[in-house]
Amino acid sequence: MKMEEKKEQLRLTKSRWKLLKERIGKNIINTFQKINLRNEAVEKKYNMSEEEQIEEILEEANAYNLRPEVEAEAEKIYSEKNKQFHVFSRIDAYLMAYQELIE
């Protein structure tokens, strides 16, 4: 090989490495951004109010056309369980009603 060809190959190799480094760096940055977005979504779910959580349960029940039934059953469960335990939450009642009616 001539010296000029070797220099040209070296230049192309350096160019490819530079491009690869940029792509790898961008992929790493994008990966971390996606991880952060997922973590924020998880935190948002944990920080939802009781009413928001109940509304999500009811929306899911609505997909099966069971929203009124879930609401009625949940209120029934909540009043019965709350008399017994006094620490029973409304969210638990709605989850129990949803699971009973879906099965």
Protein backbone atom coordinates (compact mmCIF):
# COMPACT_ATOMS: atom_id res chain seq x y z
CA MET A 1 0.00 0.00 0.00
CA LYS A 2 1.05 3.45 -0.63
CA MET A 3 1.46 5.91 2.17
CA GLU A 4 -1.45 8.02 0.88
CA GLU A 5 -3.82 5.03 0.98
CA LYS A 6 -2.80 4.25 4.55
CA LYS A 7 -3.41 7.85 5.57
CA GLU A 8 -6.82 7.78 3.89
CA GLN A 9 -7.75 4.54 5.69
CA LEU A 10 -6.58 5.99 8.98
CA ARG A 11 -8.64 9.13 8.40
CA LEU A 12 -11.74 7.03 7.57
CA THR A 13 -11.20 4.87 10.64
CA LYS A 14 -10.90 7.93 12.88
CA SER A 15 -14.04 9.36 11.29
CA ARG A 16 -15.96 6.12 11.92
CA TRP A 17 -14.76 5.97 15.54
CA LYS A 18 -15.84 9.56 16.11
CA LEU A 19 -19.28 8.82 14.66
CA LEU A 20 -19.62 5.66 16.78
CA LYS A 21 -18.62 7.54 19.94
CA GLU A 22 -21.28 10.17 19.23
CA ARG A 23 -23.94 7.51 18.61
CA ILE A 24 -23.01 5.54 21.72
CA GLY A 25 -23.07 8.68 23.81
CA LYS A 26 -26.49 9.64 22.47
CA ASN A 27 -27.82 6.14 23.15
CA ILE A 28 -26.56 6.26 26.72
CA ILE A 29 -28.12 9.68 27.26
CA ASN A 30 -31.43 8.53 25.72
CA THR A 31 -31.41 5.41 27.88
CA PHE A 32 -30.95 7.42 31.06
CA GLN A 33 -33.70 9.83 30.00
CA LYS A 34 -36.10 6.91 29.45
CA ILE A 35 -35.19 5.44 32.84
CA ASN A 36 -35.87 8.80 34.49
CA LEU A 37 -39.26 9.06 32.76
CA ARG A 38 -40.21 5.57 33.96
CA ASN A 39 -39.12 6.42 37.50
CA GLU A 40 -41.20 9.61 37.42
CA ALA A 41 -44.24 7.63 36.25
CA VAL A 42 -43.81 5.18 39.14
CA GLU A 43 -43.44 8.03 41.63
CA LYS A 44 -46.53 9.70 40.21
CA LYS A 45 -48.55 6.54 40.87
CA TYR A 46 -47.34 6.44 44.45
CA ASN A 47 -48.23 10.10 44.94
CA MET A 48 -51.77 9.82 43.58
CA SER A 49 -54.57 10.83 45.86
CA GLU A 50 -57.15 8.35 47.05
CA GLU A 51 -59.77 9.83 44.72
CA GLU A 52 -57.44 9.55 41.71
CA GLN A 53 -56.71 5.91 42.49
CA ILE A 54 -60.40 5.13 42.87
CA GLU A 55 -61.12 6.90 39.58
CA GLU A 56 -58.50 4.75 37.83
CA ILE A 57 -60.13 1.61 39.23
CA LEU A 58 -63.52 2.83 38.04
CA GLU A 59 -62.15 3.64 34.58
CA GLU A 60 -60.80 0.12 34.34
CA ALA A 61 -64.17 -1.25 35.44
CA ASN A 62 -65.84 0.96 32.85
CA ALA A 63 -63.86 -0.87 30.16
CA TYR A 64 -65.89 -3.95 31.13
CA ASN A 65 -69.13 -1.90 31.52
CA LEU A 66 -69.09 -2.61 35.25
CA ARG A 67 -68.55 0.87 36.69
CA PRO A 68 -71.93 1.23 38.46
CA GLU A 69 -71.75 -2.29 39.83
CA VAL A 70 -68.21 -1.76 41.15
CA GLU A 71 -69.21 1.54 42.79
CA ALA A 72 -72.24 -0.03 44.49
CA GLU A 73 -70.35 -3.12 45.63
CA ALA A 74 -67.40 -1.06 46.87
CA GLU A 75 -69.59 1.18 49.00
CA LYS A 76 -71.30 -1.91 50.42
CA ILE A 77 -67.94 -3.55 51.21
CA TYR A 78 -66.54 -0.32 52.67
CA SER A 79 -69.47 0.21 55.03
CA GLU A 80 -69.38 -3.43 56.22
CA LYS A 81 -65.61 -3.64 56.66
CA ASN A 82 -65.27 -0.20 58.18
CA LYS A 83 -67.74 -1.14 60.90
CA GLN A 84 -65.57 -4.14 61.76
CA PHE A 85 -62.04 -2.82 61.35
CA HIS A 86 -62.24 1.01 61.38
CA VAL A 87 -59.01 1.23 59.38
CA PHE A 88 -60.28 -0.22 56.11
CA SER A 89 -59.64 2.15 53.22
CA ARG A 90 -61.98 3.03 50.38
CA ILE A 91 -59.31 2.04 47.87
CA ASP A 92 -59.23 -1.48 49.30
CA ALA A 93 -63.01 -1.67 49.03
CA TYR A 94 -62.94 -0.60 45.39
CA LEU A 95 -60.17 -3.06 44.57
CA MET A 96 -62.06 -5.89 46.26
CA ALA A 97 -65.27 -5.02 44.44
CA TYR A 98 -63.48 -4.78 41.11
CA GLN A 99 -61.75 -8.14 41.57
CA GLU A 100 -64.97 -9.86 42.68
CA LEU A 101 -66.94 -8.59 39.70
CA ILE A 102 -64.23 -9.24 37.12
CA GLU A 103 -63.85 -12.87 38.21
